[in-house]
Amino acid sequence: MSFDILPLVLAHLKQAAAPACVIISGEIGAGKTSFGKRLAESLSSCGTTLGGILAPRVMEDGETIGYNVLDLETATICKLASIDPPGIKVGKYYLSREALDFSLQAVASASTRSQVVFLDEVGRLELQGKGHASATRILLDSPAKAILMIRSTLVKAIVECFSISDHAVFSVENIPGASGN
């Protein structure tokens, strides 16, 4: 049975005693970023100040050819990863150093003045202290509620690596219409 977790996450975030970190989990292509967009729109329409980043995929002929970074506070988009160089080689993608700096700045800035800050996605690179690792630490040390997008298989390792004791996990698996970014 599938259901939409948006009302559950929104209700959770409105609770005064809710954990400071909400983890949105799902595998590659499950819809974490799409869900993040819907959540950000819902929170914004309720007057919640938010910021941080989402990383929507870039598609060509039905294939993922890269990812962008969207700064939720400014609506600025920066190319994060591409199947073509230059950049830092990670798997089949090349990550832009400039986009990682852009992401860090967006998260760090939002962490000081937003109620809710998104970070899409925290994964293997961050477990190695690379990628968005410093942005993750800044966010988790801030007073903002953190929304982290994490692959289901990495949730436990990320929670341990970043010592996230106060958190709630919501899975996007099996949400109608959530697949893809």
Protein backbone atom coordinates (compact mmCIF):
# COMPACT_ATOMS: atom_id res chain seq x y z
CA MET A 1 0.00 0.00 0.00
CA SER A 2 1.43 3.38 -0.97
CA PHE A 3 0.66 6.72 0.63
CA ASP A 4 1.86 10.31 0.57
CA ILE A 5 4.13 11.19 3.50
CA LEU A 6 3.89 14.97 2.94
CA PRO A 7 1.14 15.49 5.57
CA LEU A 8 3.11 13.36 8.05
CA VAL A 9 6.33 15.32 7.54
CA LEU A 10 4.54 18.68 7.73
CA ALA A 11 2.76 17.67 10.95
CA HIS A 12 6.03 16.41 12.37
CA LEU A 13 7.85 19.68 11.61
CA LYS A 14 5.11 21.70 13.34
CA GLN A 15 5.58 19.84 16.63
CA ALA A 16 7.50 21.89 19.17
CA ALA A 17 9.41 18.84 20.41
CA ALA A 18 10.10 17.43 16.94
CA PRO A 19 13.65 16.26 16.29
CA ALA A 20 15.93 18.91 14.81
CA CYS A 21 16.79 16.67 11.85
CA VAL A 22 14.38 15.08 9.40
CA ILE A 23 15.82 12.49 7.06
CA ILE A 24 14.07 11.83 3.76
CA SER A 25 15.26 8.42 2.61
CA GLY A 26 14.96 6.51 -0.63
CA GLU A 27 17.13 4.89 -3.24
CA ILE A 28 18.43 6.50 -6.45
CA GLY A 29 15.48 7.71 -8.50
CA ALA A 30 12.93 7.07 -5.74
CA GLY A 31 11.88 10.72 -5.58
CA LYS A 32 13.78 12.29 -2.67
CA THR A 33 14.41 15.52 -4.56
CA SER A 34 10.89 15.66 -6.01
CA PHE A 35 9.50 15.18 -2.53
CA GLY A 36 11.89 17.87 -1.24
CA LYS A 37 10.50 20.32 -3.81
CA ARG A 38 6.93 19.58 -2.71
CA LEU A 39 7.88 19.88 0.96
CA ALA A 40 9.70 23.18 0.37
CA GLU A 41 6.69 24.59 -1.54
CA SER A 42 4.31 23.53 1.25
CA LEU A 43 6.50 24.98 3.99
CA SER A 44 7.01 28.22 2.08
CA SER A 45 3.27 28.62 1.49
CA CYS A 46 2.78 28.34 5.28
CA GLY A 47 5.24 31.20 5.89
CA THR A 48 8.19 29.06 6.98
CA THR A 49 11.54 30.63 6.16
CA LEU A 50 13.66 28.10 4.35
CA GLY A 51 16.86 27.70 2.43
CA GLY A 52 19.53 25.21 1.55
CA ILE A 53 19.85 23.16 -1.59
CA LEU A 54 18.09 20.60 -3.71
CA ALA A 55 19.93 18.69 -6.45
CA PRO A 56 17.56 17.93 -9.33
CA ARG A 57 18.83 15.57 -12.01
CA VAL A 58 19.50 16.70 -15.56
CA MET A 59 17.98 14.35 -18.11
CA GLU A 60 18.64 13.85 -21.81
CA ASP A 61 16.84 11.23 -23.90
CA GLY A 62 15.62 9.52 -20.73
CA GLU A 63 19.13 9.24 -19.24
CA THR A 64 20.60 11.12 -16.29
CA ILE A 65 23.51 13.19 -17.59
CA GLY A 66 24.14 15.23 -14.46
CA TYR A 67 22.75 17.16 -11.53
CA ASN A 68 22.18 20.82 -10.78
CA VAL A 69 22.13 22.57 -7.43
CA LEU A 70 19.17 24.80 -6.64
CA ASP A 71 19.62 27.37 -3.87
CA LEU A 72 16.14 27.44 -2.32
CA GLU A 73 16.61 30.91 -0.84
CA THR A 74 17.70 32.69 -4.04
CA ALA A 75 16.36 30.27 -6.71
CA THR A 76 19.84 30.34 -8.26
CA ILE A 77 20.86 27.19 -10.15
CA CYS A 78 24.42 25.94 -10.54
CA LYS A 79 25.65 22.89 -12.47
CA LEU A 80 26.82 20.35 -9.85
CA ALA A 81 27.71 17.22 -11.78
CA SER A 82 28.04 16.12 -15.37
CA ILE A 83 29.06 13.00 -17.25
CA ASP A 84 31.59 15.25 -19.03
CA PRO A 85 34.76 16.77 -17.56
CA PRO A 86 36.07 18.99 -16.04
CA GLY A 87 35.60 18.36 -12.35
CA ILE A 88 36.28 15.91 -9.58
CA LYS A 89 35.69 12.38 -10.90
CA VAL A 90 33.16 10.50 -8.77
CA GLY A 91 31.78 7.35 -10.36
CA LYS A 92 30.51 8.28 -13.81
CA TYR A 93 30.17 11.98 -12.94
CA TYR A 94 32.47 14.97 -12.66
CA LEU A 95 31.63 17.25 -9.71
CA SER A 96 32.15 20.97 -10.02
CA ARG A 97 34.31 22.47 -7.25
CA GLU A 98 32.51 25.78 -7.82
CA ALA A 99 29.13 24.11 -7.30
CA LEU A 100 30.33 22.49 -4.06
CA ASP A 101 31.44 25.94 -2.84
CA PHE A 102 28.10 27.38 -4.01
CA SER A 103 26.27 24.64 -2.07
CA LEU A 104 28.30 25.24 1.08
CA GLN A 105 27.59 28.96 0.91
CA ALA A 106 23.86 28.39 0.37
CA VAL A 107 23.56 25.99 3.30
CA ALA A 108 25.80 28.04 5.62
CA SER A 109 23.87 31.23 4.84
CA ALA A 110 20.46 29.61 5.27
CA SER A 111 21.56 27.92 8.51
CA THR A 112 21.93 31.32 10.17
CA ARG A 113 18.57 32.79 9.16
CA SER A 114 16.10 30.08 8.08
CA GLN A 115 13.78 27.96 10.15
CA VAL A 116 14.21 24.92 7.86
CA VAL A 117 17.25 24.11 5.72
CA PHE A 118 17.42 21.39 3.05
CA LEU A 119 20.55 19.46 2.07
CA ASP A 120 20.22 17.16 -0.93
CA GLU A 121 21.99 14.76 -0.84
CA VAL A 122 24.20 13.41 1.93
CA GLY A 123 25.91 10.18 0.88
CA ARG A 124 29.12 8.29 0.27
CA LEU A 125 31.29 11.36 -0.37
CA GLU A 126 30.14 12.93 2.87
CA LEU A 127 30.99 9.73 4.75
CA GLN A 128 34.55 10.30 3.49
CA GLY A 129 34.54 13.92 4.68
CA LYS A 130 34.14 15.22 1.11
CA GLY A 131 31.32 16.68 -1.00
CA HIS A 132 28.75 18.35 1.28
CA ALA A 133 30.36 17.10 4.53
CA SER A 134 31.25 20.56 5.84
CA ALA A 135 27.81 21.92 4.86
CA THR A 136 26.23 18.98 6.71
CA ARG A 137 28.20 19.77 9.88
CA ILE A 138 27.36 23.48 9.70
CA LEU A 139 23.67 22.70 9.26
CA LEU A 140 23.54 20.13 12.05
CA ASP A 141 25.28 22.59 14.41
CA SER A 142 22.81 25.37 13.60
CA PRO A 143 19.45 26.15 15.24
CA ALA A 144 17.62 25.42 11.95
CA LYS A 145 15.61 22.26 11.42
CA ALA A 146 17.61 20.16 8.97
CA ILE A 147 16.03 18.24 6.11
CA LEU A 148 18.59 15.74 4.81
CA MET A 149 18.05 13.61 1.72
CA ILE A 150 19.88 10.28 2.14
CA ARG A 151 19.81 6.97 0.28
CA SER A 152 18.03 4.35 2.36
CA THR A 153 21.08 2.10 2.45
CA LEU A 154 23.24 4.92 3.89
CA VAL A 155 20.95 6.33 6.60
CA LYS A 156 22.49 4.36 9.46
CA ALA A 157 26.08 5.16 8.40
CA ILE A 158 25.30 8.89 7.96
CA VAL A 159 23.54 9.07 11.34
CA GLU A 160 26.57 7.46 12.99
CA CYS A 161 29.19 9.43 11.05
CA PHE A 162 27.61 12.81 11.84
CA SER A 163 26.43 11.80 15.36
CA ILE A 164 22.81 12.64 14.58
CA SER A 165 20.99 11.54 17.71
CA ASP A 166 17.88 13.70 17.38
CA HIS A 167 16.23 12.68 14.10
CA ALA A 168 13.19 11.23 12.38
CA VAL A 169 13.29 9.20 9.14
CA PHE A 170 10.62 9.29 6.44
CA SER A 171 10.89 7.07 3.36
CA VAL A 172 9.74 8.23 -0.08
CA GLU A 173 9.63 4.65 -1.35
CA ASN A 174 6.21 3.81 -2.79
CA ILE A 175 4.85 7.37 -2.82
CA PRO A 176 2.52 7.75 -5.81
CA GLY A 177 4.12 9.96 -8.45
CA ALA A 178 7.31 10.53 -6.44
CA SER A 179 9.81 8.66 -8.59
CA GLY A 180 12.35 10.66 -10.50
CA ASN A 181 13.61 14.13 -9.76
